[in-house]
Amino acid sequence: MFEKGPYTDINCDSEIKELYQCYCCLQLVCLTHLIQHVEIRKENKQRLDNLCNELNTVINTLNLNVEEKLFIIKREQNLIEQAKRLLNASDSTIDALQNSFEQISPAILSNHSEEIMLQVESSLSETKDCLYVLKCNTETINSNGILKLSLSEFKLNKKRPIVMED
């Protein structure tokens, strides 16, 4: 259903036109603008659908990562429990203790093999006054100001400022 009347949009001429109520904004608009409103709504709906799909994808990916980490944690908890039982048992053999040790050691190493990346402001990389102690070689800071350290290189002390050692 339409009405006839003057259309007040500055982008249209001032002649009498058929005006339609836009279901998006509930305003009376000419057919040209009604089509534009519908197209904008379709584009926004498509963008929303795409964003929802992307969000579902990252949610699923993160969920898989969390499930994998939980599986690893449960496996490592089982290793701890088995090792404690071996330590508490009076009849544990050297081979059983050694086997348990060999299973736990790689788990510890794998937990500490991740690298820590810190963004270092250029003004901070040249000063020795910051919030935390960070002992590293300044050559580990790349041209983008990213500091890459393995956990074994990362030493943190909340009571002293960051120290960049040369």
N, C-alpha and C. Protein backbone atom coordinates (compact mmCIF):
# COMPACT_ATOMS: atom_id res chain seq x y z
N MET A 1 0.84 -1.18 0.00
CA MET A 1 0.00 0.00 0.00
C MET A 1 0.88 1.24 0.00
N PHE A 2 0.48 2.25 -0.71
CA PHE A 2 1.27 3.47 -0.79
C PHE A 2 0.38 4.69 -0.62
N GLU A 3 1.01 5.81 -0.35
CA GLU A 3 0.34 7.10 -0.28
C GLU A 3 0.98 8.01 -1.30
N LYS A 4 0.23 9.01 -1.75
CA LYS A 4 0.81 10.00 -2.65
C LYS A 4 1.04 11.26 -1.85
N GLY A 5 2.20 11.86 -2.09
CA GLY A 5 2.49 13.11 -1.38
C GLY A 5 3.88 13.58 -1.69
N PRO A 6 4.22 14.78 -1.20
CA PRO A 6 5.58 15.29 -1.43
C PRO A 6 6.57 14.51 -0.56
N TYR A 7 7.71 14.26 -1.13
CA TYR A 7 8.76 13.53 -0.40
C TYR A 7 9.80 14.55 0.01
N THR A 8 10.16 14.58 1.28
CA THR A 8 10.99 15.65 1.82
C THR A 8 12.48 15.33 1.86
N ASP A 9 12.89 14.21 1.33
CA ASP A 9 14.32 13.88 1.32
C ASP A 9 15.05 14.83 0.39
N ILE A 10 16.17 15.39 0.85
CA ILE A 10 16.90 16.38 0.05
C ILE A 10 17.54 15.77 -1.20
N ASN A 11 17.69 14.45 -1.23
CA ASN A 11 18.30 13.80 -2.39
C ASN A 11 17.29 13.54 -3.50
N CYS A 12 16.02 13.75 -3.24
CA CYS A 12 14.99 13.53 -4.25
C CYS A 12 14.44 14.88 -4.71
N ASP A 13 13.81 14.85 -5.90
CA ASP A 13 13.17 16.09 -6.35
C ASP A 13 11.90 16.32 -5.53
N SER A 14 11.32 17.48 -5.66
CA SER A 14 10.20 17.86 -4.79
C SER A 14 8.84 17.52 -5.37
N GLU A 15 8.80 16.74 -6.43
CA GLU A 15 7.51 16.41 -7.03
C GLU A 15 6.75 15.39 -6.18
N ILE A 16 5.47 15.28 -6.43
CA ILE A 16 4.61 14.34 -5.71
C ILE A 16 4.99 12.93 -6.16
N LYS A 17 5.17 12.04 -5.17
CA LYS A 17 5.57 10.66 -5.47
C LYS A 17 4.72 9.71 -4.67
N GLU A 18 4.78 8.46 -5.10
CA GLU A 18 4.16 7.41 -4.30
C GLU A 18 5.11 7.10 -3.16
N LEU A 19 4.60 7.13 -1.95
CA LEU A 19 5.42 6.90 -0.76
C LEU A 19 4.99 5.59 -0.11
N TYR A 20 5.98 4.85 0.33
CA TYR A 20 5.75 3.54 0.95
C TYR A 20 6.35 3.56 2.35
N GLN A 21 5.69 2.87 3.26
CA GLN A 21 6.25 2.80 4.61
C GLN A 21 7.33 1.72 4.64
N CYS A 22 8.52 2.14 5.01
CA CYS A 22 9.64 1.20 5.11
C CYS A 22 9.48 0.39 6.39
N TYR A 23 9.53 -0.91 6.27
CA TYR A 23 9.38 -1.77 7.46
C TYR A 23 10.63 -1.74 8.33
N CYS A 24 11.75 -1.21 7.82
CA CYS A 24 12.98 -1.10 8.61
C CYS A 24 12.91 0.09 9.57
N CYS A 25 12.57 1.26 9.02
CA CYS A 25 12.60 2.49 9.83
C CYS A 25 11.21 3.10 10.04
N LEU A 26 10.19 2.51 9.43
CA LEU A 26 8.79 2.94 9.54
C LEU A 26 8.54 4.35 9.01
N GLN A 27 9.43 4.86 8.17
CA GLN A 27 9.24 6.16 7.55
C GLN A 27 8.59 5.98 6.18
N LEU A 28 7.94 7.05 5.72
CA LEU A 28 7.40 7.04 4.37
C LEU A 28 8.52 7.47 3.42
N VAL A 29 8.84 6.60 2.47
CA VAL A 29 9.93 6.86 1.54
C VAL A 29 9.48 6.55 0.12
N CYS A 30 10.18 7.14 -0.84
CA CYS A 30 9.88 6.85 -2.24
C CYS A 30 10.36 5.44 -2.57
N LEU A 31 9.94 4.94 -3.71
CA LEU A 31 10.29 3.58 -4.10
C LEU A 31 11.80 3.39 -4.21
N THR A 32 12.50 4.38 -4.75
CA THR A 32 13.96 4.29 -4.88
C THR A 32 14.61 4.11 -3.52
N HIS A 33 14.19 4.92 -2.56
CA HIS A 33 14.78 4.82 -1.22
C HIS A 33 14.31 3.55 -0.49
N LEU A 34 13.11 3.12 -0.78
CA LEU A 34 12.63 1.87 -0.18
C LEU A 34 13.51 0.71 -0.64
N ILE A 35 13.84 0.69 -1.92
CA ILE A 35 14.71 -0.36 -2.47
C ILE A 35 16.09 -0.27 -1.82
N GLN A 36 16.61 0.97 -1.66
CA GLN A 36 17.90 1.14 -1.00
C GLN A 36 17.86 0.63 0.44
N HIS A 37 16.78 0.94 1.15
CA HIS A 37 16.64 0.47 2.53
C HIS A 37 16.63 -1.05 2.60
N VAL A 38 15.92 -1.66 1.66
CA VAL A 38 15.85 -3.12 1.63
C VAL A 38 17.24 -3.70 1.33
N GLU A 39 17.96 -3.10 0.39
CA GLU A 39 19.32 -3.58 0.05
C GLU A 39 20.26 -3.43 1.25
N ILE A 40 20.18 -2.29 1.92
CA ILE A 40 21.02 -2.08 3.10
C ILE A 40 20.69 -3.12 4.17
N ARG A 41 19.42 -3.37 4.35
CA ARG A 41 19.01 -4.38 5.34
C ARG A 41 19.53 -5.77 4.96
N LYS A 42 19.46 -6.11 3.66
CA LYS A 42 19.99 -7.41 3.20
C LYS A 42 21.49 -7.49 3.44
N GLU A 43 22.20 -6.40 3.10
CA GLU A 43 23.66 -6.39 3.32
C GLU A 43 23.99 -6.53 4.80
N ASN A 44 23.27 -5.80 5.63
CA ASN A 44 23.51 -5.91 7.08
C ASN A 44 23.19 -7.31 7.60
N LYS A 45 22.13 -7.90 7.08
CA LYS A 45 21.77 -9.27 7.48
C LYS A 45 22.87 -10.24 7.06
N GLN A 46 23.39 -10.05 5.83
CA GLN A 46 24.47 -10.91 5.34
C GLN A 46 25.72 -10.75 6.19
N ARG A 47 26.06 -9.50 6.52
CA ARG A 47 27.22 -9.24 7.38
C ARG A 47 27.03 -9.88 8.75
N LEU A 48 25.82 -9.75 9.29
CA LEU A 48 25.52 -10.35 10.59
C LEU A 48 25.64 -11.87 10.52
N ASP A 49 25.09 -12.46 9.47
CA ASP A 49 25.19 -13.92 9.30
C ASP A 49 26.64 -14.36 9.17
N ASN A 50 27.43 -13.62 8.37
CA ASN A 50 28.85 -13.95 8.21
C ASN A 50 29.59 -13.84 9.54
N LEU A 51 29.32 -12.77 10.27
CA LEU A 51 29.97 -12.58 11.56
C LEU A 51 29.58 -13.69 12.54
N CYS A 52 28.31 -14.06 12.54
CA CYS A 52 27.86 -15.16 13.40
C CYS A 52 28.55 -16.46 13.03
N ASN A 53 28.69 -16.72 11.73
CA ASN A 53 29.39 -17.93 11.28
C ASN A 53 30.86 -17.91 11.71
N GLU A 54 31.51 -16.76 11.54
CA GLU A 54 32.90 -16.64 11.95
C GLU A 54 33.04 -16.82 13.46
N LEU A 55 32.11 -16.22 14.21
CA LEU A 55 32.15 -16.36 15.67
C LEU A 55 31.95 -17.81 16.07
N ASN A 56 31.02 -18.50 15.42
CA ASN A 56 30.83 -19.93 15.70
C ASN A 56 32.09 -20.73 15.40
N THR A 57 32.77 -20.37 14.32
CA THR A 57 34.01 -21.07 13.96
C THR A 57 35.07 -20.88 15.03
N VAL A 58 35.26 -19.63 15.49
CA VAL A 58 36.29 -19.42 16.51
C VAL A 58 35.88 -20.01 17.85
N ILE A 59 34.59 -20.02 18.15
CA ILE A 59 34.11 -20.67 19.37
C ILE A 59 34.42 -22.16 19.32
N ASN A 60 34.14 -22.78 18.19
CA ASN A 60 34.41 -24.21 18.05
C ASN A 60 35.90 -24.51 18.13
N THR A 61 36.71 -23.65 17.52
CA THR A 61 38.16 -23.83 17.58
C THR A 61 38.66 -23.70 19.01
N LEU A 62 38.20 -22.66 19.70
CA LEU A 62 38.60 -22.47 21.10
C LEU A 62 38.12 -23.62 21.96
N ASN A 63 36.91 -24.09 21.70
CA ASN A 63 36.38 -25.22 22.46
C ASN A 63 37.25 -26.46 22.26
N LEU A 64 37.68 -26.71 21.03
CA LEU A 64 38.58 -27.84 20.77
C LEU A 64 39.90 -27.67 21.50
N ASN A 65 40.43 -26.44 21.50
CA ASN A 65 41.68 -26.17 22.23
C ASN A 65 41.52 -26.43 23.72
N VAL A 66 40.41 -25.98 24.28
CA VAL A 66 40.16 -26.19 25.71
C VAL A 66 40.01 -27.68 26.01
N GLU A 67 39.27 -28.39 25.16
CA GLU A 67 39.10 -29.83 25.37
C GLU A 67 40.45 -30.56 25.30
N GLU A 68 41.30 -30.14 24.37
CA GLU A 68 42.63 -30.75 24.25
C GLU A 68 43.45 -30.48 25.51
N LYS A 69 43.40 -29.24 26.00
CA LYS A 69 44.14 -28.91 27.21
C LYS A 69 43.60 -29.68 28.41
N LEU A 70 42.28 -29.81 28.50
CA LEU A 70 41.69 -30.57 29.61
C LEU A 70 42.10 -32.04 29.55
N PHE A 71 42.16 -32.59 28.33
CA PHE A 71 42.62 -33.96 28.16
C PHE A 71 44.05 -34.11 28.65
N ILE A 72 44.90 -33.16 28.28
CA ILE A 72 46.31 -33.19 28.70
C ILE A 72 46.40 -33.07 30.22
N ILE A 73 45.61 -32.18 30.80
CA ILE A 73 45.62 -32.01 32.26
C ILE A 73 45.20 -33.30 32.95
N LYS A 74 44.14 -33.94 32.46
CA LYS A 74 43.69 -35.20 33.07
C LYS A 74 44.76 -36.28 32.95
N ARG A 75 45.41 -36.34 31.79
CA ARG A 75 46.47 -37.32 31.59
C ARG A 75 47.62 -37.06 32.56
N GLU A 76 47.98 -35.79 32.72
CA GLU A 76 49.08 -35.44 33.63
C GLU A 76 48.69 -35.68 35.09
N GLN A 77 47.43 -35.45 35.43
CA GLN A 77 46.97 -35.75 36.79
C GLN A 77 47.06 -37.25 37.05
N ASN A 78 46.74 -38.05 36.06
CA ASN A 78 46.87 -39.51 36.20
C ASN A 78 48.33 -39.90 36.40
N LEU A 79 49.24 -39.24 35.66
CA LEU A 79 50.67 -39.52 35.85
C LEU A 79 51.10 -39.20 37.28
N ILE A 80 50.62 -38.09 37.81
CA ILE A 80 50.95 -37.70 39.19
C ILE A 80 50.42 -38.73 40.18
N GLU A 81 49.18 -39.13 40.00
CA GLU A 81 48.58 -40.12 40.91
C GLU A 81 49.31 -41.45 40.85
N GLN A 82 49.66 -41.89 39.64
CA GLN A 82 50.40 -43.15 39.50
C GLN A 82 51.77 -43.05 40.18
N ALA A 83 52.45 -41.92 39.99
CA ALA A 83 53.77 -41.74 40.60
C ALA A 83 53.66 -41.71 42.12
N LYS A 84 52.64 -41.06 42.66
CA LYS A 84 52.45 -41.02 44.11
C LYS A 84 52.18 -42.42 44.66
N ARG A 85 51.37 -43.19 43.93
CA ARG A 85 51.10 -44.57 44.37
C ARG A 85 52.38 -45.39 44.39
N LEU A 86 53.22 -45.18 43.35
CA LEU A 86 54.50 -45.90 43.31
C LEU A 86 55.39 -45.48 44.48
N LEU A 87 55.42 -44.21 44.81
CA LEU A 87 56.24 -43.73 45.92
C LEU A 87 55.74 -44.26 47.27
N ASN A 88 54.44 -44.39 47.39
CA ASN A 88 53.85 -44.86 48.65
C ASN A 88 53.85 -46.38 48.79
N ALA A 89 54.03 -47.07 47.67
CA ALA A 89 54.03 -48.53 47.72
C ALA A 89 55.40 -49.03 48.16
N SER A 90 55.40 -49.99 49.03
CA SER A 90 56.68 -50.52 49.54
C SER A 90 57.32 -51.49 48.55
N ASP A 91 56.55 -52.00 47.61
CA ASP A 91 57.09 -52.99 46.69
C ASP A 91 57.38 -52.42 45.29
N SER A 92 57.52 -51.09 45.15
CA SER A 92 57.80 -50.47 43.85
C SER A 92 59.20 -50.84 43.38
N THR A 93 59.30 -51.15 42.11
CA THR A 93 60.60 -51.52 41.54
C THR A 93 61.30 -50.28 40.98
N ILE A 94 62.59 -50.41 40.79
CA ILE A 94 63.37 -49.33 40.19
C ILE A 94 62.86 -49.05 38.78
N ASP A 95 62.55 -50.12 38.04
CA ASP A 95 62.04 -49.94 36.68
C ASP A 95 60.72 -49.17 36.66
N ALA A 96 59.82 -49.48 37.60
CA ALA A 96 58.53 -48.79 37.66
C ALA A 96 58.73 -47.31 37.99
N LEU A 97 59.62 -47.02 38.95
CA LEU A 97 59.90 -45.63 39.31
C LEU A 97 60.55 -44.89 38.15
N GLN A 98 61.50 -45.55 37.49
CA GLN A 98 62.18 -44.94 36.35
C GLN A 98 61.20 -44.67 35.21
N ASN A 99 60.30 -45.61 34.95
CA ASN A 99 59.29 -45.45 33.91
C ASN A 99 58.38 -44.26 34.22
N SER A 100 57.97 -44.15 35.47
CA SER A 100 57.13 -43.03 35.89
C SER A 100 57.87 -41.71 35.71
N PHE A 101 59.12 -41.68 36.11
CA PHE A 101 59.95 -40.49 35.95
C PHE A 101 60.06 -40.10 34.48
N GLU A 102 60.28 -41.09 33.61
CA GLU A 102 60.42 -40.84 32.18
C GLU A 102 59.12 -40.36 31.54
N GLN A 103 57.99 -40.71 32.12
CA GLN A 103 56.71 -40.22 31.60
C GLN A 103 56.42 -38.79 32.08
N ILE A 104 56.83 -38.48 33.31
CA ILE A 104 56.53 -37.16 33.87
C ILE A 104 57.47 -36.08 33.31
N SER A 105 58.74 -36.40 33.14
CA SER A 105 59.72 -35.40 32.69
C SER A 105 59.33 -34.72 31.37
N PRO A 106 58.95 -35.47 30.34
CA PRO A 106 58.55 -34.80 29.09
C PRO A 106 57.30 -33.92 29.27
N ALA A 107 56.41 -34.33 30.16
CA ALA A 107 55.21 -33.52 30.41
C ALA A 107 55.59 -32.17 31.00
N ILE A 108 56.56 -32.18 31.90
CA ILE A 108 57.03 -30.92 32.50
C ILE A 108 57.68 -30.05 31.43
N LEU A 109 58.52 -30.64 30.61
CA LEU A 109 59.20 -29.88 29.56
C LEU A 109 58.21 -29.31 28.55
N SER A 110 57.20 -30.08 28.19
CA SER A 110 56.23 -29.59 27.20
C SER A 110 55.42 -28.43 27.75
N ASN A 111 55.22 -28.39 29.06
CA ASN A 111 54.48 -27.27 29.66
C ASN A 111 55.32 -26.00 29.69
N HIS A 112 56.64 -26.12 29.62
CA HIS A 112 57.50 -24.95 29.69
C HIS A 112 58.13 -24.60 28.36
N SER A 113 57.71 -25.23 27.29
CA SER A 113 58.35 -24.97 26.00
C SER A 113 57.71 -23.81 25.24
N GLU A 114 56.58 -23.32 25.73
CA GLU A 114 55.92 -22.22 25.04
C GLU A 114 56.74 -20.95 25.20
N GLU A 115 56.66 -20.10 24.18
CA GLU A 115 57.37 -18.83 24.25
C GLU A 115 56.44 -17.75 24.76
N ILE A 116 56.99 -16.80 25.46
CA ILE A 116 56.25 -15.63 25.91
C ILE A 116 56.62 -14.50 24.97
N MET A 117 55.60 -13.81 24.46
CA MET A 117 55.87 -12.66 23.61
C MET A 117 55.34 -11.42 24.32
N LEU A 118 56.18 -10.41 24.44
CA LEU A 118 55.80 -9.16 25.07
C LEU A 118 55.99 -8.04 24.07
N GLN A 119 55.05 -7.10 24.06
CA GLN A 119 55.22 -5.90 23.25
C GLN A 119 56.01 -4.92 24.10
N VAL A 120 57.15 -4.49 23.61
CA VAL A 120 58.00 -3.57 24.34
C VAL A 120 57.91 -2.21 23.66
N GLU A 121 57.42 -1.22 24.39
CA GLU A 121 57.37 0.13 23.84
C GLU A 121 58.80 0.60 23.61
N SER A 122 59.03 1.33 22.53
CA SER A 122 60.39 1.75 22.20
C SER A 122 60.99 2.57 23.33
N SER A 123 60.19 3.37 24.02
CA SER A 123 60.73 4.17 25.12
C SER A 123 61.13 3.28 26.29
N LEU A 124 60.46 2.13 26.45
CA LEU A 124 60.79 1.23 27.54
C LEU A 124 62.03 0.39 27.25
N SER A 125 62.27 0.12 25.97
CA SER A 125 63.42 -0.72 25.64
C SER A 125 64.73 0.03 25.85
N GLU A 126 64.65 1.35 25.98
CA GLU A 126 65.86 2.13 26.18
C GLU A 126 66.04 2.56 27.63
N THR A 127 65.08 2.27 28.49
CA THR A 127 65.17 2.68 29.89
C THR A 127 65.31 1.47 30.78
N LYS A 128 65.71 1.71 32.00
CA LYS A 128 65.84 0.61 32.94
C LYS A 128 64.80 0.73 34.05
N ASP A 129 63.81 1.62 33.90
CA ASP A 129 62.81 1.84 34.94
C ASP A 129 61.44 1.40 34.45
N CYS A 130 60.96 0.27 34.95
CA CYS A 130 59.63 -0.23 34.62
C CYS A 130 59.07 -0.96 35.83
N LEU A 131 57.98 -1.68 35.64
CA LEU A 131 57.30 -2.31 36.76
C LEU A 131 57.89 -3.65 37.18
N TYR A 132 58.45 -4.40 36.28
CA TYR A 132 58.90 -5.75 36.59
C TYR A 132 60.35 -5.96 36.17
N VAL A 133 60.98 -6.90 36.81
CA VAL A 133 62.33 -7.28 36.40
C VAL A 133 62.20 -8.20 35.20
N LEU A 134 62.90 -7.88 34.14
CA LEU A 134 62.90 -8.71 32.94
C LEU A 134 64.34 -8.79 32.49
N LYS A 135 64.96 -9.93 32.71
CA LYS A 135 66.35 -10.08 32.33
C LYS A 135 66.41 -10.80 31.00
N CYS A 136 66.94 -10.13 30.01
CA CYS A 136 67.08 -10.75 28.70
C CYS A 136 68.14 -10.00 27.93
N ASN A 137 68.51 -10.55 26.83
CA ASN A 137 69.45 -9.91 25.93
C ASN A 137 68.64 -8.99 25.02
N THR A 138 69.06 -7.74 24.85
CA THR A 138 68.28 -6.80 24.03
C THR A 138 68.21 -7.23 22.57
N GLU A 139 69.02 -8.16 22.15
CA GLU A 139 68.96 -8.66 20.77
C GLU A 139 67.70 -9.49 20.53
N THR A 140 66.99 -9.88 21.60
CA THR A 140 65.76 -10.66 21.42
C THR A 140 64.57 -9.78 21.08
N ILE A 141 64.75 -8.46 21.07
CA ILE A 141 63.67 -7.55 20.67
C ILE A 141 63.79 -7.32 19.17
N ASN A 142 62.73 -7.67 18.42
CA ASN A 142 62.79 -7.49 16.97
C ASN A 142 62.44 -6.05 16.59
N SER A 143 62.45 -5.75 15.29
CA SER A 143 62.22 -4.39 14.81
C SER A 143 60.82 -3.89 15.11
N ASN A 144 59.87 -4.78 15.35
CA ASN A 144 58.50 -4.38 15.69
C ASN A 144 58.32 -4.16 17.18
N GLY A 145 59.39 -4.29 17.94
CA GLY A 145 59.28 -4.10 19.38
C GLY A 145 58.73 -5.32 20.10
N ILE A 146 58.77 -6.49 19.46
CA ILE A 146 58.28 -7.72 20.08
C ILE A 146 59.45 -8.42 20.75
N LEU A 147 59.28 -8.76 22.00
CA LEU A 147 60.29 -9.46 22.77
C LEU A 147 59.85 -10.91 22.88
N LYS A 148 60.66 -11.83 22.37
CA LYS A 148 60.34 -13.25 22.39
C LYS A 148 61.27 -13.95 23.37
N LEU A 149 60.69 -14.63 24.34
CA LEU A 149 61.48 -15.35 25.34
C LEU A 149 60.88 -16.73 25.56
N SER A 150 61.73 -17.68 25.82
CA SER A 150 61.21 -18.95 26.30
C SER A 150 60.98 -18.78 27.79
N LEU A 151 60.17 -19.65 28.36
CA LEU A 151 59.87 -19.52 29.78
C LEU A 151 61.12 -19.64 30.64
N SER A 152 62.09 -20.42 30.18
CA SER A 152 63.31 -20.55 30.97
C SER A 152 64.11 -19.25 30.99
N GLU A 153 63.92 -18.39 29.97
CA GLU A 153 64.63 -17.11 29.92
C GLU A 153 63.89 -16.01 30.69
N PHE A 154 62.63 -16.25 31.01
CA PHE A 154 61.77 -15.23 31.58
C PHE A 154 61.84 -15.27 33.10
N LYS A 155 62.32 -14.19 33.70
CA LYS A 155 62.40 -14.10 35.15
C LYS A 155 61.61 -12.88 35.57
N LEU A 156 60.66 -13.05 36.46
CA LEU A 156 59.77 -11.97 36.85
C LEU A 156 59.86 -11.73 38.34
N ASN A 157 60.08 -10.49 38.74
CA ASN A 157 60.13 -10.13 40.15
C ASN A 157 59.33 -8.85 40.30
N LYS A 158 58.17 -8.91 40.97
CA LYS A 158 57.27 -7.76 41.06
C LYS A 158 57.81 -6.64 41.94
N LYS A 159 58.88 -6.87 42.67
CA LYS A 159 59.38 -5.85 43.59
C LYS A 159 60.44 -4.95 42.97
N ARG A 160 60.93 -5.30 41.77
CA ARG A 160 61.99 -4.51 41.16
C ARG A 160 61.60 -4.11 39.74
N PRO A 161 62.21 -3.04 39.23
CA PRO A 161 61.90 -2.62 37.85
C PRO A 161 62.49 -3.55 36.81
N ILE A 162 62.00 -3.44 35.58
CA ILE A 162 62.54 -4.23 34.47
C ILE A 162 63.99 -3.83 34.23
N VAL A 163 64.83 -4.80 34.01
CA VAL A 163 66.23 -4.55 33.70
C VAL A 163 66.52 -5.20 32.36
N MET A 164 66.89 -4.41 31.39
CA MET A 164 67.27 -4.93 30.08
C MET A 164 68.78 -5.05 30.08
N GLU A 165 69.28 -6.26 30.14
CA GLU A 165 70.73 -6.46 30.19
C GLU A 165 71.30 -6.49 28.79
N ASP A 166 72.45 -5.88 28.62
CA ASP A 166 73.11 -5.87 27.31
C ASP A 166 74.11 -6.98 27.21
